[in-house]
Amino acid sequence: MIDRRQFLRMGATAVSMGVLSRALRAANADRPAYVDMHTHIGTYTNGNKELTAADLLKWMDEHHIEKAIVLPLVSPESTTYLQTPEFVLRETKPHRDRLIPFCSLDPRAHLSGGQEGINGIIKKYVEQGAHGFGEHKVGLDIDDPLMLRIYEGCSEAGIPLLFHMDNIRGKDKPGLPGLERVLSAFPKLNFIGHGPGFWASISGDVDQKGLGGYPTGPVAPGGALDRLMAKYSNLFCDLSAGSGSNAISRDLAFGKEFLIRNQDRICFGTDYLQPGQEVPQFQVFEEQLELPANVFAKIARGNALRLVERPA
């Protein structure tokens, strides 16, 4: 029996979709299926194709993904075509065994009732099926007072928050002092980090410009991520998008040790958002890294389920 890596190297241009799906299932029978911490449905921006829930499920079947977290986007800086929590909750409802919805709310929106009003909105989304909050992708500092109101609401509701960080959204400075302030202020809230600014901080030599891009080359010691992961048990990492894959693949030796060191709080993710999108995470995990089986199982599946699964 060939393993998954051998099958992928053979290619599938001459294989029908039915045969491909059966072969992938057989090749992966001895390893856990993925749980994808970061996907979207709908249309992301002009030039992107629409991704329906059915499209997402088909893609998941092709890539041995058992479940996926589906994230709305509500802030004007986050995307061209907004994907509301109502849309995500509605479209995932027939598929809740596999598609896990999150909710979102822009902290700059007109809100009545102060903090209690925010808490009530988040609680309502949770009652409708949301298992977390995000993608929190807002054009404010990560520790802006308006952002703190969202963190308080999520902490009160007992759900995790997945945030995006770069030099436009969820902004911070080298060393991530703003993120450290909110991790300390909300110890009961699990923060899931994502985006260029977050993942560039794996290296100790990143400057302000680097927080908005995809630095290359060896990782310098003293990065903020290792320091914060060691100090705050409520910080988790989302490996999705080019930022996540780049952080690990730019220095594979360091990346592998980082994953092993922080194995209990790192989650596989792709940021899949349109049909036909290339996803580098599969190559990184299935061809470039040789993780111990127990570490792979946590990162590929276990950590995400522990974060988002709620009692019935």
C-alpha atoms as a PDB file:
ATOM      1  CA  MET A   1       0.000   0.000   0.000  1.00  0.00           C
ATOM      2  CA  ILE A   2       1.464   3.412  -0.951  1.00  0.00           C
ATOM      3  CA  ASP A   3       1.457   6.164   1.625  1.00  0.00           C
ATOM      4  CA  ARG A   4       0.018   9.646   1.025  1.00  0.00           C
ATOM      5  CA  ARG A   5       3.352  11.226   0.150  1.00  0.00           C
ATOM      6  CA  GLN A   6       4.094   8.607  -2.502  1.00  0.00           C
ATOM      7  CA  PHE A   7       0.640   9.023  -3.979  1.00  0.00           C
ATOM      8  CA  LEU A   8       0.962  12.803  -4.217  1.00  0.00           C
ATOM      9  CA  ARG A   9       4.326  12.485  -5.960  1.00  0.00           C
ATOM     10  CA  MET A  10       2.814  10.161  -8.560  1.00  0.00           C
ATOM     11  CA  GLY A  11       0.332  12.866  -9.530  1.00  0.00           C
ATOM     12  CA  ALA A  12      -3.311  12.374 -10.406  1.00  0.00           C
ATOM     13  CA  THR A  13      -3.740  13.847 -13.847  1.00  0.00           C
ATOM     14  CA  ALA A  14      -4.896  10.577 -15.303  1.00  0.00           C
ATOM     15  CA  VAL A  15      -6.951   9.485 -12.312  1.00  0.00           C
ATOM     16  CA  SER A  16     -10.677  10.051 -12.168  1.00  0.00           C
ATOM     17  CA  MET A  17     -12.093  11.924  -9.193  1.00  0.00           C
ATOM     18  CA  GLY A  18     -13.749   8.807  -7.802  1.00  0.00           C
ATOM     19  CA  VAL A  19     -10.551   6.774  -7.966  1.00  0.00           C
ATOM     20  CA  LEU A  20      -8.604   9.707  -6.541  1.00  0.00           C
ATOM     21  CA  SER A  21     -10.897  10.003  -3.523  1.00  0.00           C
ATOM     22  CA  ARG A  22     -10.690   6.252  -2.823  1.00  0.00           C
ATOM     23  CA  ALA A  23      -6.916   6.275  -3.159  1.00  0.00           C
ATOM     24  CA  LEU A  24      -6.550   9.242  -0.826  1.00  0.00           C
ATOM     25  CA  ARG A  25      -8.759   7.609   1.782  1.00  0.00           C
ATOM     26  CA  ALA A  26      -6.703   4.414   1.586  1.00  0.00           C
ATOM     27  CA  ALA A  27      -3.400   6.281   1.745  1.00  0.00           C
ATOM     28  CA  ASN A  28      -4.544   8.124   4.866  1.00  0.00           C
ATOM     29  CA  ALA A  29      -6.218   5.243   6.662  1.00  0.00           C
ATOM     30  CA  ASP A  30      -3.360   5.032   9.180  1.00  0.00           C
ATOM     31  CA  ARG A  31      -3.219   8.717  10.148  1.00  0.00           C
ATOM     32  CA  PRO A  32      -5.738  11.162  11.621  1.00  0.00           C
ATOM     33  CA  ALA A  33      -7.830  13.332   9.348  1.00  0.00           C
ATOM     34  CA  TYR A  34      -7.217  17.057   9.434  1.00  0.00           C
ATOM     35  CA  VAL A  35      -9.422  19.593  11.158  1.00  0.00           C
ATOM     36  CA  ASP A  36      -8.962  22.892   9.307  1.00  0.00           C
ATOM     37  CA  MET A  37      -8.960  25.837  11.708  1.00  0.00           C
ATOM     38  CA  HIS A  38      -9.389  28.478   8.997  1.00  0.00           C
ATOM     39  CA  THR A  39     -11.700  28.468   5.950  1.00  0.00           C
ATOM     40  CA  HIS A  40     -14.207  30.857   4.357  1.00  0.00           C
ATOM     41  CA  ILE A  41     -17.259  30.536   2.099  1.00  0.00           C
ATOM     42  CA  GLY A  42     -18.774  33.066  -0.280  1.00  0.00           C
ATOM     43  CA  THR A  43     -16.675  35.464  -2.353  1.00  0.00           C
ATOM     44  CA  TYR A  44     -13.571  36.984  -0.807  1.00  0.00           C
ATOM     45  CA  THR A  45     -12.602  39.807  -3.152  1.00  0.00           C
ATOM     46  CA  ASN A  46     -13.023  40.918  -6.748  1.00  0.00           C
ATOM     47  CA  GLY A  47     -11.283  38.389  -8.958  1.00  0.00           C
ATOM     48  CA  ASN A  48     -12.038  35.485  -6.626  1.00  0.00           C
ATOM     49  CA  LYS A  49     -14.495  32.760  -7.503  1.00  0.00           C
ATOM     50  CA  GLU A  50     -17.393  32.062  -5.163  1.00  0.00           C
ATOM     51  CA  LEU A  51     -16.879  29.142  -2.802  1.00  0.00           C
ATOM     52  CA  THR A  52     -20.090  27.460  -1.654  1.00  0.00           C
ATOM     53  CA  ALA A  53     -20.483  25.147   1.315  1.00  0.00           C
ATOM     54  CA  ALA A  54     -20.822  22.266  -1.153  1.00  0.00           C
ATOM     55  CA  ASP A  55     -17.570  23.299  -2.853  1.00  0.00           C
ATOM     56  CA  LEU A  56     -15.807  23.418   0.494  1.00  0.00           C
ATOM     57  CA  LEU A  57     -17.064  19.974   1.478  1.00  0.00           C
ATOM     58  CA  LYS A  58     -15.933  18.488  -1.845  1.00  0.00           C
ATOM     59  CA  TRP A  59     -12.472  19.959  -1.390  1.00  0.00           C
ATOM     60  CA  MET A  60     -12.356  18.630   2.185  1.00  0.00           C
ATOM     61  CA  ASP A  61     -13.160  15.127   0.929  1.00  0.00           C
ATOM     62  CA  GLU A  62     -10.302  15.355  -1.563  1.00  0.00           C
ATOM     63  CA  HIS A  63      -7.807  16.382   1.112  1.00  0.00           C
ATOM     64  CA  HIS A  64      -8.705  14.129   4.046  1.00  0.00           C
ATOM     65  CA  ILE A  65     -10.223  16.970   6.095  1.00  0.00           C
ATOM     66  CA  GLU A  66     -12.791  15.756   8.587  1.00  0.00           C
ATOM     67  CA  LYS A  67     -14.049  19.150   9.790  1.00  0.00           C
ATOM     68  CA  ALA A  68     -13.451  22.821   9.015  1.00  0.00           C
ATOM     69  CA  ILE A  69     -14.015  26.016  10.940  1.00  0.00           C
ATOM     70  CA  VAL A  70     -15.835  28.554   8.722  1.00  0.00           C
ATOM     71  CA  LEU A  71     -15.069  32.187   9.519  1.00  0.00           C
ATOM     72  CA  PRO A  72     -17.127  35.275   8.680  1.00  0.00           C
ATOM     73  CA  LEU A  73     -15.488  38.584   7.710  1.00  0.00           C
ATOM     74  CA  VAL A  74     -17.315  41.777   8.681  1.00  0.00           C
ATOM     75  CA  SER A  75     -14.799  44.623   8.794  1.00  0.00           C
ATOM     76  CA  PRO A  76     -14.233  46.824   5.724  1.00  0.00           C
ATOM     77  CA  GLU A  77     -10.474  46.223   5.859  1.00  0.00           C
ATOM     78  CA  SER A  78     -10.921  42.454   5.903  1.00  0.00           C
ATOM     79  CA  THR A  79     -12.332  41.729   2.463  1.00  0.00           C
ATOM     80  CA  THR A  80     -14.221  43.187  -0.500  1.00  0.00           C
ATOM     81  CA  TYR A  81     -17.420  41.160  -0.109  1.00  0.00           C
ATOM     82  CA  LEU A  82     -18.435  40.867   3.526  1.00  0.00           C
ATOM     83  CA  GLN A  83     -19.380  37.427   4.825  1.00  0.00           C
ATOM     84  CA  THR A  84     -21.745  37.997   7.718  1.00  0.00           C
ATOM     85  CA  PRO A  85     -22.220  35.696  10.711  1.00  0.00           C
ATOM     86  CA  GLU A  86     -25.840  35.233   9.629  1.00  0.00           C
ATOM     87  CA  PHE A  87     -24.656  34.000   6.209  1.00  0.00           C
ATOM     88  CA  VAL A  88     -22.105  31.620   7.718  1.00  0.00           C
ATOM     89  CA  LEU A  89     -24.561  30.253  10.287  1.00  0.00           C
ATOM     90  CA  ARG A  90     -27.223  29.721   7.607  1.00  0.00           C
ATOM     91  CA  GLU A  91     -24.961  28.076   5.027  1.00  0.00           C
ATOM     92  CA  THR A  92     -23.286  25.732   7.507  1.00  0.00           C
ATOM     93  CA  LYS A  93     -26.475  24.692   9.303  1.00  0.00           C
ATOM     94  CA  PRO A  94     -27.179  21.601   7.122  1.00  0.00           C
ATOM     95  CA  HIS A  95     -23.573  20.440   7.587  1.00  0.00           C
ATOM     96  CA  ARG A  96     -22.818  21.095  11.246  1.00  0.00           C
ATOM     97  CA  ASP A  97     -21.292  17.616  11.606  1.00  0.00           C
ATOM     98  CA  ARG A  98     -18.403  18.896   9.459  1.00  0.00           C
ATOM     99  CA  LEU A  99     -18.613  22.688   9.103  1.00  0.00           C
ATOM    100  CA  ILE A 100     -18.164  24.574  12.374  1.00  0.00           C
ATOM    101  CA  PRO A 101     -19.265  28.228  12.238  1.00  0.00           C
ATOM    102  CA  PHE A 102     -17.697  31.158  14.052  1.00  0.00           C
ATOM    103  CA  CYS A 103     -19.235  34.608  14.495  1.00  0.00           C
ATOM    104  CA  SER A 104     -17.837  38.126  14.251  1.00  0.00           C
ATOM    105  CA  LEU A 105     -18.640  41.738  15.108  1.00  0.00           C
ATOM    106  CA  ASP A 106     -16.790  44.938  14.240  1.00  0.00           C
ATOM    107  CA  PRO A 107     -16.072  46.803  17.482  1.00  0.00           C
ATOM    108  CA  ARG A 108     -16.589  50.141  15.694  1.00  0.00           C
ATOM    109  CA  ALA A 109     -20.184  49.308  14.745  1.00  0.00           C
ATOM    110  CA  HIS A 110     -23.049  51.305  16.199  1.00  0.00           C
ATOM    111  CA  LEU A 111     -23.916  49.345  19.318  1.00  0.00           C
ATOM    112  CA  SER A 112     -26.407  50.049  22.071  1.00  0.00           C
ATOM    113  CA  GLY A 113     -26.155  48.805  25.606  1.00  0.00           C
ATOM    114  CA  GLY A 114     -22.406  49.165  26.027  1.00  0.00           C
ATOM    115  CA  GLN A 115     -20.535  46.049  27.114  1.00  0.00           C
ATOM    116  CA  GLU A 116     -23.746  44.243  27.973  1.00  0.00           C
ATOM    117  CA  GLY A 117     -24.976  44.873  24.447  1.00  0.00           C
ATOM    118  CA  ILE A 118     -21.843  43.326  22.955  1.00  0.00           C
ATOM    119  CA  ASN A 119     -22.066  40.378  25.326  1.00  0.00           C
ATOM    120  CA  GLY A 120     -25.683  39.858  24.287  1.00  0.00           C
ATOM    121  CA  ILE A 121     -24.888  39.836  20.563  1.00  0.00           C
ATOM    122  CA  ILE A 122     -22.105  37.292  20.986  1.00  0.00           C
ATOM    123  CA  LYS A 123     -24.281  35.142  23.258  1.00  0.00           C
ATOM    124  CA  LYS A 124     -27.029  35.163  20.617  1.00  0.00           C
ATOM    125  CA  TYR A 125     -24.611  33.950  17.942  1.00  0.00           C
ATOM    126  CA  VAL A 126     -23.395  31.191  20.250  1.00  0.00           C
ATOM    127  CA  GLU A 127     -26.982  30.090  20.858  1.00  0.00           C
ATOM    128  CA  GLN A 128     -27.424  29.884  17.074  1.00  0.00           C
ATOM    129  CA  GLY A 129     -24.434  27.575  16.740  1.00  0.00           C
ATOM    130  CA  ALA A 130     -21.238  29.647  16.691  1.00  0.00           C
ATOM    131  CA  HIS A 131     -18.319  27.872  18.368  1.00  0.00           C
ATOM    132  CA  GLY A 132     -15.915  30.813  18.345  1.00  0.00           C
ATOM    133  CA  PHE A 133     -15.280  34.392  17.251  1.00  0.00           C
ATOM    134  CA  GLY A 134     -13.354  35.390  14.126  1.00  0.00           C
ATOM    135  CA  GLU A 135     -11.856  36.024  11.800  1.00  0.00           C
ATOM    136  CA  HIS A 136     -11.242  39.157  13.884  1.00  0.00           C
ATOM    137  CA  LYS A 137      -9.586  41.268  11.173  1.00  0.00           C
ATOM    138  CA  VAL A 138     -10.061  44.900  12.158  1.00  0.00           C
ATOM    139  CA  GLY A 139      -8.148  48.074  11.265  1.00  0.00           C
ATOM    140  CA  LEU A 140      -7.239  48.884  14.867  1.00  0.00           C
ATOM    141  CA  ASP A 141      -4.367  48.145  17.225  1.00  0.00           C
ATOM    142  CA  ILE A 142      -4.647  44.696  18.773  1.00  0.00           C
ATOM    143  CA  ASP A 143      -5.043  46.344  22.199  1.00  0.00           C
ATOM    144  CA  ASP A 144      -7.222  49.287  21.188  1.00  0.00           C
ATOM    145  CA  PRO A 145      -9.922  49.987  23.828  1.00  0.00           C
ATOM    146  CA  LEU A 146     -12.628  49.111  21.303  1.00  0.00           C
ATOM    147  CA  MET A 147     -11.006  45.723  20.716  1.00  0.00           C
ATOM    148  CA  LEU A 148     -11.001  45.055  24.446  1.00  0.00           C
ATOM    149  CA  ARG A 149     -14.799  45.122  24.449  1.00  0.00           C
ATOM    150  CA  ILE A 150     -14.842  42.225  21.978  1.00  0.00           C
ATOM    151  CA  TYR A 151     -12.363  40.240  24.059  1.00  0.00           C
ATOM    152  CA  GLU A 152     -14.511  40.776  27.130  1.00  0.00           C
ATOM    153  CA  GLY A 153     -17.590  39.527  25.273  1.00  0.00           C
ATOM    154  CA  CYS A 154     -15.817  36.388  24.054  1.00  0.00           C
ATOM    155  CA  SER A 155     -14.383  35.697  27.500  1.00  0.00           C
ATOM    156  CA  GLU A 156     -17.867  36.037  28.995  1.00  0.00           C
ATOM    157  CA  ALA A 157     -19.297  33.654  26.369  1.00  0.00           C
ATOM    158  CA  GLY A 158     -16.507  31.108  26.870  1.00  0.00           C
ATOM    159  CA  ILE A 159     -15.509  30.904  23.197  1.00  0.00           C
ATOM    160  CA  PRO A 160     -12.082  31.283  21.538  1.00  0.00           C
ATOM    161  CA  LEU A 161     -11.160  34.260  19.352  1.00  0.00           C
ATOM    162  CA  LEU A 162      -9.180  33.927  16.104  1.00  0.00           C
ATOM    163  CA  PHE A 163      -7.421  37.167  15.136  1.00  0.00           C
ATOM    164  CA  HIS A 164      -5.513  38.451  12.124  1.00  0.00           C
ATOM    165  CA  MET A 165      -2.419  40.598  12.616  1.00  0.00           C
ATOM    166  CA  ASP A 166      -0.422  42.724  10.173  1.00  0.00           C
ATOM    167  CA  ASN A 167       0.372  46.419   9.724  1.00  0.00           C
ATOM    168  CA  ILE A 168      -3.234  47.226   8.757  1.00  0.00           C
ATOM    169  CA  ARG A 169      -5.418  44.901  10.847  1.00  0.00           C
ATOM    170  CA  GLY A 170      -4.858  43.919  14.488  1.00  0.00           C
ATOM    171  CA  LYS A 171      -1.733  46.065  14.541  1.00  0.00           C
ATOM    172  CA  ASP A 172       1.156  45.678  16.939  1.00  0.00           C
ATOM    173  CA  LYS A 173       4.868  46.474  17.261  1.00  0.00           C
ATOM    174  CA  PRO A 174       7.937  44.202  17.064  1.00  0.00           C
ATOM    175  CA  GLY A 175       7.990  41.986  20.120  1.00  0.00           C
ATOM    176  CA  LEU A 176       4.162  42.063  20.208  1.00  0.00           C
ATOM    177  CA  PRO A 177       3.725  44.162  23.364  1.00  0.00           C
ATOM    178  CA  GLY A 178       0.079  44.858  22.535  1.00  0.00           C
ATOM    179  CA  LEU A 179      -0.723  41.180  22.179  1.00  0.00           C
ATOM    180  CA  GLU A 180       1.007  40.487  25.480  1.00  0.00           C
ATOM    181  CA  ARG A 181      -1.162  43.080  27.198  1.00  0.00           C
ATOM    182  CA  VAL A 182      -4.386  41.458  26.031  1.00  0.00           C
ATOM    183  CA  LEU A 183      -3.177  37.923  26.787  1.00  0.00           C
ATOM    184  CA  SER A 184      -2.466  39.063  30.333  1.00  0.00           C
ATOM    185  CA  ALA A 185      -5.715  41.029  30.681  1.00  0.00           C
ATOM    186  CA  PHE A 186      -7.973  38.170  29.485  1.00  0.00           C
ATOM    187  CA  PRO A 187      -6.454  34.953  30.890  1.00  0.00           C
ATOM    188  CA  LYS A 188      -9.667  32.954  30.408  1.00  0.00           C
ATOM    189  CA  LEU A 189      -9.941  33.801  26.702  1.00  0.00           C
ATOM    190  CA  ASN A 190      -8.120  31.559  24.229  1.00  0.00           C
ATOM    191  CA  PHE A 191      -6.574  33.716  21.489  1.00  0.00           C
ATOM    192  CA  ILE A 192      -5.732  32.030  18.160  1.00  0.00           C
ATOM    193  CA  GLY A 193      -3.088  33.994  16.235  1.00  0.00           C
ATOM    194  CA  HIS A 194      -2.903  34.258  12.441  1.00  0.00           C
ATOM    195  CA  GLY A 195      -1.534  36.562   9.752  1.00  0.00           C
ATOM    196  CA  PRO A 196       1.767  38.070   8.583  1.00  0.00           C
ATOM    197  CA  GLY A 197       2.422  40.153  11.701  1.00  0.00           C
ATOM    198  CA  PHE A 198       1.801  37.196  13.979  1.00  0.00           C
ATOM    199  CA  TRP A 199       3.885  34.651  12.078  1.00  0.00           C
ATOM    200  CA  ALA A 200       6.744  37.020  11.203  1.00  0.00           C
ATOM    201  CA  SER A 201       7.206  37.259  14.982  1.00  0.00           C
ATOM    202  CA  ILE A 202       8.514  33.704  15.059  1.00  0.00           C
ATOM    203  CA  SER A 203      11.896  35.363  14.433  1.00  0.00           C
ATOM    204  CA  GLY A 204      13.707  37.641  16.855  1.00  0.00           C
ATOM    205  CA  ASP A 205      14.969  40.043  14.172  1.00  0.00           C
ATOM    206  CA  VAL A 206      11.638  41.170  12.668  1.00  0.00           C
ATOM    207  CA  ASP A 207      11.130  44.934  12.293  1.00  0.00           C
ATOM    208  CA  GLN A 208       7.937  46.948  11.808  1.00  0.00           C
ATOM    209  CA  LYS A 209       7.973  46.516   8.033  1.00  0.00           C
ATOM    210  CA  GLY A 210       8.433  42.789   8.428  1.00  0.00           C
ATOM    211  CA  LEU A 211       5.227  42.560  10.450  1.00  0.00           C
ATOM    212  CA  GLY A 212       3.375  43.337   7.233  1.00  0.00           C
ATOM    213  CA  GLY A 213       5.096  40.793   5.007  1.00  0.00           C
ATOM    214  CA  TYR A 214       6.600  37.340   4.641  1.00  0.00           C
ATOM    215  CA  PRO A 215      10.220  37.417   5.832  1.00  0.00           C
ATOM    216  CA  THR A 216      12.515  34.758   4.408  1.00  0.00           C
ATOM    217  CA  GLY A 217      15.731  33.140   5.538  1.00  0.00           C
ATOM    218  CA  PRO A 218      16.804  31.538   8.803  1.00  0.00           C
ATOM    219  CA  VAL A 219      14.798  32.309  11.924  1.00  0.00           C
ATOM    220  CA  ALA A 220      16.715  34.377  14.480  1.00  0.00           C
ATOM    221  CA  PRO A 221      16.452  33.298  18.119  1.00  0.00           C
ATOM    222  CA  GLY A 222      14.449  35.358  20.577  1.00  0.00           C
ATOM    223  CA  GLY A 223      11.192  35.557  18.621  1.00  0.00           C
ATOM    224  CA  ALA A 224       8.106  36.872  20.377  1.00  0.00           C
ATOM    225  CA  LEU A 225       6.024  33.792  19.583  1.00  0.00           C
ATOM    226  CA  ASP A 226       8.143  31.349  21.566  1.00  0.00           C
ATOM    227  CA  ARG A 227       8.328  33.788  24.464  1.00  0.00           C
ATOM    228  CA  LEU A 228       4.569  34.410  24.541  1.00  0.00           C
ATOM    229  CA  MET A 229       3.703  30.739  24.046  1.00  0.00           C
ATOM    230  CA  ALA A 230       5.895  29.846  27.036  1.00  0.00           C
ATOM    231  CA  LYS A 231       4.399  32.559  29.244  1.00  0.00           C
ATOM    232  CA  TYR A 232       0.690  32.516  28.306  1.00  0.00           C
ATOM    233  CA  SER A 233      -1.275  29.275  28.125  1.00  0.00           C
ATOM    234  CA  ASN A 234      -4.175  31.091  26.406  1.00  0.00           C
ATOM    235  CA  LEU A 235      -2.227  31.731  23.165  1.00  0.00           C
ATOM    236  CA  PHE A 236      -2.740  29.330  20.257  1.00  0.00           C
ATOM    237  CA  CYS A 237      -1.395  29.425  16.685  1.00  0.00           C
ATOM    238  CA  ASP A 238      -3.284  29.018  13.395  1.00  0.00           C
ATOM    239  CA  LEU A 239      -0.925  27.714  10.675  1.00  0.00           C
ATOM    240  CA  SER A 240      -3.083  28.897   7.776  1.00  0.00           C
ATOM    241  CA  ALA A 241      -2.315  31.041   4.725  1.00  0.00           C
ATOM    242  CA  GLY A 242       1.044  31.944   3.230  1.00  0.00           C
ATOM    243  CA  SER A 243       2.091  33.505   6.515  1.00  0.00           C
ATOM    244  CA  GLY A 244       1.718  30.255   8.450  1.00  0.00           C
ATOM    245  CA  SER A 245       3.342  28.002   5.873  1.00  0.00           C
ATOM    246  CA  ASN A 246       6.175  30.492   5.307  1.00  0.00           C
ATOM    247  CA  ALA A 247       6.941  30.728   9.022  1.00  0.00           C
ATOM    248  CA  ILE A 248       7.564  26.978   9.178  1.00  0.00           C
ATOM    249  CA  SER A 249       9.134  26.375   5.756  1.00  0.00           C
ATOM    250  CA  ARG A 250      11.537  29.365   5.750  1.00  0.00           C
ATOM    251  CA  ASP A 251      13.725  27.469   8.251  1.00  0.00           C
ATOM    252  CA  LEU A 252      12.524  23.878   8.387  1.00  0.00           C
ATOM    253  CA  ALA A 253      14.831  22.809  11.199  1.00  0.00           C
ATOM    254  CA  PHE A 254      13.631  25.639  13.431  1.00  0.00           C
ATOM    255  CA  GLY A 255      10.041  25.231  12.234  1.00  0.00           C
ATOM    256  CA  LYS A 256       9.960  21.562  13.159  1.00  0.00           C
ATOM    257  CA  GLU A 257      11.339  22.221  16.635  1.00  0.00           C
ATOM    258  CA  PHE A 258       8.891  25.105  17.111  1.00  0.00           C
ATOM    259  CA  LEU A 259       5.990  22.788  16.307  1.00  0.00           C
ATOM    260  CA  ILE A 260       7.272  20.099  18.651  1.00  0.00           C
ATOM    261  CA  ARG A 261       7.942  22.624  21.429  1.00  0.00           C
ATOM    262  CA  ASN A 262       4.453  24.095  21.173  1.00  0.00           C
ATOM    263  CA  GLN A 263       2.623  20.982  20.023  1.00  0.00           C
ATOM    264  CA  ASP A 264      -0.341  21.391  22.387  1.00  0.00           C
ATOM    265  CA  ARG A 265      -1.394  24.825  21.086  1.00  0.00           C
ATOM    266  CA  ILE A 266      -0.807  24.822  17.326  1.00  0.00           C
ATOM    267  CA  CYS A 267      -3.620  24.144  14.845  1.00  0.00           C
ATOM    268  CA  PHE A 268      -3.499  23.142  11.204  1.00  0.00           C
ATOM    269  CA  GLY A 269      -5.266  25.621   8.925  1.00  0.00           C
ATOM    270  CA  THR A 270      -5.359  26.575   5.255  1.00  0.00           C
ATOM    271  CA  ASP A 271      -7.340  29.811   4.719  1.00  0.00           C
ATOM    272  CA  TYR A 272      -9.050  28.089   1.792  1.00  0.00           C
ATOM    273  CA  LEU A 273     -11.449  30.619   0.240  1.00  0.00           C
ATOM    274  CA  GLN A 274     -11.911  29.916  -3.476  1.00  0.00           C
ATOM    275  CA  PRO A 275     -12.107  26.863  -5.769  1.00  0.00           C
ATOM    276  CA  GLY A 276      -8.777  25.743  -7.164  1.00  0.00           C
ATOM    277  CA  GLN A 277      -6.706  27.627  -4.594  1.00  0.00           C
ATOM    278  CA  GLU A 278      -3.196  26.300  -4.003  1.00  0.00           C
ATOM    279  CA  VAL A 279      -2.652  25.323  -0.372  1.00  0.00           C
ATOM    280  CA  PRO A 280       1.037  25.033   0.649  1.00  0.00           C
ATOM    281  CA  GLN A 281       0.293  23.506   4.059  1.00  0.00           C
ATOM    282  CA  PHE A 282      -0.172  20.028   2.582  1.00  0.00           C
ATOM    283  CA  GLN A 283       3.282  20.052   1.029  1.00  0.00           C
ATOM    284  CA  VAL A 284       4.859  21.368   4.224  1.00  0.00           C
ATOM    285  CA  PHE A 285       3.263  18.692   6.406  1.00  0.00           C
ATOM    286  CA  GLU A 286       3.336  15.752   3.993  1.00  0.00           C
ATOM    287  CA  GLU A 287       6.583  16.244   2.112  1.00  0.00           C
ATOM    288  CA  GLN A 288       8.859  18.604   4.047  1.00  0.00           C
ATOM    289  CA  LEU A 289       8.271  17.788   7.720  1.00  0.00           C
ATOM    290  CA  GLU A 290       8.664  14.456   9.489  1.00  0.00           C
ATOM    291  CA  LEU A 291       6.791  15.076  12.711  1.00  0.00           C
ATOM    292  CA  PRO A 292       6.364  12.383  15.365  1.00  0.00           C
ATOM    293  CA  ALA A 293       2.970  10.744  14.974  1.00  0.00           C
ATOM    294  CA  ASN A 294       1.656  12.026  18.299  1.00  0.00           C
ATOM    295  CA  VAL A 295       2.707  15.600  17.482  1.00  0.00           C
ATOM    296  CA  PHE A 296       1.131  15.440  14.030  1.00  0.00           C
ATOM    297  CA  ALA A 297      -2.124  14.142  15.534  1.00  0.00           C
ATOM    298  CA  LYS A 298      -2.366  17.086  17.927  1.00  0.00           C
ATOM    299  CA  ILE A 299      -1.575  19.740  15.333  1.00  0.00           C
ATOM    300  CA  ALA A 300      -3.581  18.203  12.498  1.00  0.00           C
ATOM    301  CA  ARG A 301      -6.722  17.582  14.504  1.00  0.00           C
ATOM    302  CA  GLY A 302      -6.694  17.310  18.267  1.00  0.00           C
ATOM    303  CA  ASN A 303      -5.867  20.859  19.301  1.00  0.00           C
ATOM    304  CA  ALA A 304      -8.535  22.414  17.100  1.00  0.00           C
ATOM    305  CA  LEU A 305     -11.228  20.081  18.386  1.00  0.00           C
ATOM    306  CA  ARG A 306     -10.247  20.796  21.961  1.00  0.00           C
ATOM    307  CA  LEU A 307     -10.613  24.533  21.281  1.00  0.00           C
ATOM    308  CA  VAL A 308     -13.937  24.579  19.473  1.00  0.00           C
ATOM    309  CA  GLU A 309     -16.001  21.593  20.545  1.00  0.00           C
ATOM    310  CA  ARG A 310     -18.704  22.475  23.050  1.00  0.00           C
ATOM    311  CA  PRO A 311     -20.927  20.212  25.140  1.00  0.00           C
ATOM    312  CA  ALA A 312     -24.187  19.360  23.374  1.00  0.00           C
END
